């Protein structure tokens, strides 16, 4: 067995050889003539050693880098907190019509019971009238009773057949005449199927109104109950011929 002094000497020799190898590698990685701490991150030397060179702008790459850190970015002062005046202006800018991209006092959220969009008065009338003609909601609007009105309300009568009809508003602020009872979906034409939905209050779930919604999209089952439009069950000659066609 070798003496302890020889073992320690051999260990120092191995450590010394490892240090020499690291030192020689370090001298090879540094460019000639570089001072202390310089040349370790030069892109040219990193490319020779096979290291990844980060992408840098052309104006920075053209200047020889002799420092480890990147150029300091220019100082940008923090943005001031928005005042109440600025917050008010931002709120006014957000009220823009989704159709004509214009602002104004008539721009607001539209829809009864369902939010349809933020539109101005002109764009809302165009949209509501077009949809009313498509769905057949062409009944005149019902006058709102005043706070002192105590007269009993009765359903209006059809001017063609004289039958009582239900007078309901739609989600787009137009009115439609519906029948007073429900029928199975198989007995009603697809273009005359409606449903009645309750409108909850603004800060409560208690229903405060009823709106008529046209059944479209997903077809109901044949046995599902729907509320037919009065035009589909009207006994007048014109309505019967329209329903048959």
Protein backbone atom coordinates (compact mmCIF):
# COMPACT_ATOMS: atom_id res chain seq x y z
CA UNK A 1 0.00 0.00 0.00
CA UNK A 2 1.32 3.40 -0.96
CA UNK A 3 2.08 5.87 1.78
CA UNK A 4 -0.47 8.55 2.64
CA UNK A 5 1.93 11.29 1.48
CA UNK A 6 2.15 9.75 -1.99
CA UNK A 7 -1.66 9.44 -2.21
CA UNK A 8 -2.06 13.09 -1.28
CA UNK A 9 0.63 14.06 -3.74
CA UNK A 10 -1.12 12.11 -6.51
CA UNK A 11 -4.44 13.77 -5.67
CA UNK A 12 -2.82 17.20 -5.88
CA UNK A 13 -1.32 16.21 -9.18
CA UNK A 14 -4.73 15.19 -10.54
CA UNK A 15 -6.31 18.40 -9.25
CA UNK A 16 -3.52 20.42 -10.74
CA UNK A 17 -3.98 18.78 -14.13
CA UNK A 18 -7.74 19.46 -14.02
CA UNK A 19 -7.09 23.11 -13.14
CA UNK A 20 -4.61 23.39 -15.95
CA UNK A 21 -7.12 21.94 -18.40
CA UNK A 22 -9.78 24.44 -17.27
CA UNK A 23 -7.28 27.30 -17.48
CA UNK A 24 -6.21 26.31 -20.97
CA UNK A 25 -9.85 26.10 -22.07
CA UNK A 26 -10.49 29.52 -20.58
CA UNK A 27 -7.52 31.06 -22.35
CA UNK A 28 -8.72 29.52 -25.62
CA UNK A 29 -12.20 30.99 -25.15
CA UNK A 30 -10.85 34.50 -24.49
CA UNK A 31 -9.61 36.62 -27.37
CA UNK A 32 -6.01 37.59 -27.45
CA UNK A 33 -5.24 40.82 -25.64
CA UNK A 34 -8.49 40.90 -23.65
CA UNK A 35 -8.30 42.18 -20.10
CA UNK A 36 -9.85 40.76 -16.99
CA UNK A 37 -13.50 39.88 -17.47
CA UNK A 38 -13.53 40.91 -21.14
CA UNK A 39 -14.24 38.85 -24.21
CA UNK A 40 -16.35 36.19 -22.53
CA UNK A 41 -19.55 37.24 -24.32
CA UNK A 42 -18.29 38.45 -27.68
CA UNK A 43 -20.63 37.08 -30.35
CA UNK A 44 -17.75 36.28 -32.71
CA UNK A 45 -16.02 34.10 -30.12
CA UNK A 46 -19.30 32.47 -29.07
CA UNK A 47 -19.97 31.56 -32.71
CA UNK A 48 -16.51 29.96 -33.01
CA UNK A 49 -17.14 27.88 -29.89
CA UNK A 50 -20.56 26.78 -31.16
CA UNK A 51 -22.53 28.71 -28.55
CA UNK A 52 -25.88 30.30 -29.36
CA UNK A 53 -25.64 33.98 -30.19
CA UNK A 54 -28.80 35.93 -29.23
CA UNK A 55 -30.44 38.08 -31.90
CA UNK A 56 -29.63 41.74 -31.52
CA UNK A 57 -30.42 44.84 -33.52
CA UNK A 58 -28.05 45.78 -36.32
CA UNK A 59 -26.91 48.98 -34.66
CA UNK A 60 -25.86 47.06 -31.55
CA UNK A 61 -24.26 44.15 -33.41
CA UNK A 62 -22.06 46.53 -35.41
CA UNK A 63 -20.47 47.90 -32.23
CA UNK A 64 -17.90 45.57 -30.60
CA UNK A 65 -19.16 44.46 -27.21
CA UNK A 66 -16.67 44.71 -24.39
CA UNK A 67 -19.16 44.65 -21.53
CA UNK A 68 -21.31 41.88 -20.18
CA UNK A 69 -24.54 43.87 -19.76
CA UNK A 70 -26.68 45.23 -22.61
CA UNK A 71 -27.02 48.98 -23.21
CA UNK A 72 -29.35 50.54 -20.66
CA UNK A 73 -32.77 51.41 -22.09
CA UNK A 74 -33.77 55.08 -21.97
CA UNK A 75 -35.69 56.11 -18.90
CA UNK A 76 -39.45 56.27 -19.35
CA UNK A 77 -41.40 58.02 -16.62
CA UNK A 78 -44.44 56.12 -15.32
CA UNK A 79 -47.83 57.09 -16.73
CA UNK A 80 -49.93 59.24 -14.40
CA UNK A 81 -53.01 57.72 -12.83
CA UNK A 82 -56.23 58.58 -14.73
CA UNK A 83 -58.21 61.37 -13.16
CA UNK A 84 -61.99 61.52 -12.93
CA UNK A 85 -62.05 63.70 -16.03
CA UNK A 86 -60.10 61.15 -18.05
CA UNK A 87 -62.27 58.34 -16.75
CA UNK A 88 -65.35 60.21 -17.89
CA UNK A 89 -63.88 60.69 -21.35
CA UNK A 90 -63.06 56.99 -21.58
CA UNK A 91 -66.64 56.15 -20.63
CA UNK A 92 -67.96 58.47 -23.35
CA UNK A 93 -65.67 56.92 -25.96
CA UNK A 94 -66.85 53.41 -25.08
CA UNK A 95 -70.43 54.40 -25.99
CA UNK A 96 -70.10 53.95 -29.75
CA UNK A 97 -72.72 52.48 -32.02
CA UNK A 98 -71.75 48.98 -33.10
CA UNK A 99 -73.29 49.51 -36.54
CA UNK A 100 -72.32 53.00 -37.73
CA UNK A 101 -69.35 53.49 -35.34
CA UNK A 102 -70.65 56.90 -34.28
CA UNK A 103 -71.34 58.33 -30.85
CA UNK A 104 -74.11 60.50 -29.58
CA UNK A 105 -76.77 60.90 -26.90
CA UNK A 106 -78.96 58.16 -28.44
CA UNK A 107 -76.30 55.44 -28.20
CA UNK A 108 -77.22 52.98 -25.47
CA UNK A 109 -77.85 49.30 -24.82
CA UNK A 110 -80.82 48.00 -26.75
CA UNK A 111 -83.10 45.06 -26.15
CA UNK A 112 -86.06 44.20 -23.96
CA UNK A 113 -85.28 41.28 -21.67
CA UNK A 114 -82.27 40.32 -23.81
CA UNK A 115 -79.30 42.52 -24.58
CA UNK A 116 -79.04 42.82 -28.36
CA UNK A 117 -76.30 45.42 -28.67
CA UNK A 118 -75.20 49.03 -28.27
CA UNK A 119 -76.84 50.99 -31.08
CA UNK A 120 -77.91 54.52 -31.83
CA UNK A 121 -81.54 55.42 -32.43
CA UNK A 122 -81.33 55.34 -36.24
CA UNK A 123 -79.52 52.00 -36.47
CA UNK A 124 -81.83 50.50 -33.87
CA UNK A 125 -84.96 51.50 -35.81
CA UNK A 126 -83.52 50.03 -39.01
CA UNK A 127 -82.67 46.75 -37.30
CA UNK A 128 -85.95 46.45 -35.38
CA UNK A 129 -88.15 47.27 -38.38
CA UNK A 130 -86.32 44.81 -40.62
CA UNK A 131 -86.64 42.03 -38.07
CA UNK A 132 -90.29 42.86 -37.39
CA UNK A 133 -91.13 42.49 -41.08
CA UNK A 134 -89.26 39.20 -41.20
CA UNK A 135 -91.03 37.72 -38.17
CA UNK A 136 -94.43 39.31 -38.67
CA UNK A 137 -94.38 41.52 -35.57
CA UNK A 138 -96.25 44.39 -37.21
CA UNK A 139 -98.91 45.01 -34.56
CA UNK A 140 -99.29 48.57 -33.23
CA UNK A 141 -97.66 49.34 -29.92
CA UNK A 142 -99.81 49.27 -26.81
CA UNK A 143 -100.12 52.50 -24.89
CA UNK A 144 -98.63 52.36 -21.43
CA UNK A 145 -101.22 53.04 -18.74
CA UNK A 146 -100.58 56.03 -16.53
CA UNK A 147 -100.09 55.81 -12.77
CA UNK A 148 -103.66 57.04 -12.19
CA UNK A 149 -105.30 54.81 -14.80
CA UNK A 150 -107.70 52.35 -13.12
CA UNK A 151 -109.58 51.16 -16.19
CA UNK A 152 -109.56 47.35 -16.65
CA UNK A 153 -107.41 46.04 -19.43
CA UNK A 154 -108.97 43.77 -22.02
CA UNK A 155 -107.21 41.93 -24.84
CA UNK A 156 -107.66 43.63 -28.19
CA UNK A 157 -109.76 42.04 -30.92
CA UNK A 158 -108.63 41.15 -34.41
CA UNK A 159 -109.99 43.58 -36.96
CA UNK A 160 -110.37 40.78 -39.51
CA UNK A 161 -112.15 38.00 -37.59
CA UNK A 162 -113.11 39.72 -34.33
CA UNK A 163 -111.38 37.14 -32.08
CA UNK A 164 -109.45 38.21 -28.98
CA UNK A 165 -105.68 38.20 -29.37
CA UNK A 166 -102.73 38.48 -27.04
CA UNK A 167 -100.75 41.69 -27.42
CA UNK A 168 -97.11 41.14 -26.45
CA UNK A 169 -93.86 43.05 -26.95
CA UNK A 170 -90.82 41.47 -28.55
CA UNK A 171 -87.19 41.64 -27.51
CA UNK A 172 -86.57 44.36 -30.14
CA UNK A 173 -89.35 46.72 -28.93
CA UNK A 174 -91.94 45.73 -31.54
CA UNK A 175 -95.34 44.23 -30.87
CA UNK A 176 -97.03 41.09 -32.13
CA UNK A 177 -100.52 39.57 -31.91
CA UNK A 178 -100.49 35.99 -30.64
CA UNK A 179 -103.18 33.46 -29.89
CA UNK A 180 -104.50 33.15 -26.34
CA UNK A 181 -103.58 29.47 -25.98
CA UNK A 182 -100.71 27.11 -26.74
CA UNK A 183 -100.71 24.40 -29.40
CA UNK A 184 -98.35 21.50 -30.19
CA UNK A 185 -95.52 22.42 -32.49
CA UNK A 186 -96.66 19.90 -35.12
CA UNK A 187 -99.91 21.88 -35.60
CA UNK A 188 -98.22 25.25 -36.14
CA UNK A 189 -96.21 26.33 -39.18
CA UNK A 190 -92.51 26.97 -38.45
CA UNK A 191 -92.80 30.67 -39.28
CA UNK A 192 -95.58 31.24 -36.71
CA UNK A 193 -94.12 29.58 -33.61
CA UNK A 194 -93.53 31.82 -30.61
CA UNK A 195 -92.76 31.44 -26.94
CA UNK A 196 -93.43 33.71 -23.99
CA UNK A 197 -90.55 34.48 -21.64
CA UNK A 198 -90.58 36.40 -18.39
CA UNK A 199 -88.35 39.43 -17.94
CA UNK A 200 -86.67 39.60 -14.50
CA UNK A 201 -86.15 42.89 -12.73
CA UNK A 202 -82.89 44.78 -12.86
CA UNK A 203 -81.83 43.97 -9.30
CA UNK A 204 -84.13 41.04 -8.56
CA UNK A 205 -85.27 37.76 -10.03
CA UNK A 206 -88.93 38.61 -9.67
CA UNK A 207 -90.43 38.81 -13.20
CA UNK A 208 -91.61 42.27 -14.13
CA UNK A 209 -92.82 41.65 -17.69
CA UNK A 210 -93.37 39.21 -20.54
CA UNK A 211 -91.81 39.24 -23.99
CA UNK A 212 -92.58 37.16 -27.07
CA UNK A 213 -89.63 35.33 -28.64
CA UNK A 214 -89.82 33.75 -32.05
CA UNK A 215 -88.81 30.05 -32.07
CA UNK A 216 -85.88 29.73 -34.45
CA UNK A 217 -82.64 27.83 -34.71
CA UNK A 218 -83.33 24.53 -32.95
CA UNK A 219 -86.67 23.06 -34.01
CA UNK A 220 -88.95 22.03 -31.13
CA UNK A 221 -90.23 18.49 -30.73
CA UNK A 222 -93.62 17.75 -32.30
CA UNK A 223 -95.25 17.56 -28.89
CA UNK A 224 -93.71 20.74 -27.44
CA UNK A 225 -96.15 23.53 -26.77
CA UNK A 226 -95.68 26.80 -28.60
CA UNK A 227 -97.75 29.95 -28.84
CA UNK A 228 -98.93 30.41 -32.43
CA UNK A 229 -99.18 33.81 -34.03
CA UNK A 230 -102.75 34.94 -34.47
CA UNK A 231 -102.18 35.14 -38.19
CA UNK A 232 -101.81 31.33 -38.23
CA UNK A 233 -105.23 30.71 -36.61
CA UNK A 234 -107.13 33.73 -37.91
CA UNK A 235 -110.41 32.84 -39.67
CA UNK A 236 -110.20 35.58 -42.26
CA UNK A 237 -109.90 34.63 -45.93
CA UNK A 238 -106.53 36.31 -46.43
CA UNK A 239 -105.00 34.73 -43.31
CA UNK A 240 -106.28 31.26 -44.25
CA UNK A 241 -104.89 31.51 -47.74
CA UNK A 242 -101.53 32.74 -46.36
CA UNK A 243 -101.39 29.85 -43.89
CA UNK A 244 -102.15 27.30 -46.61
CA UNK A 245 -99.49 28.78 -48.89
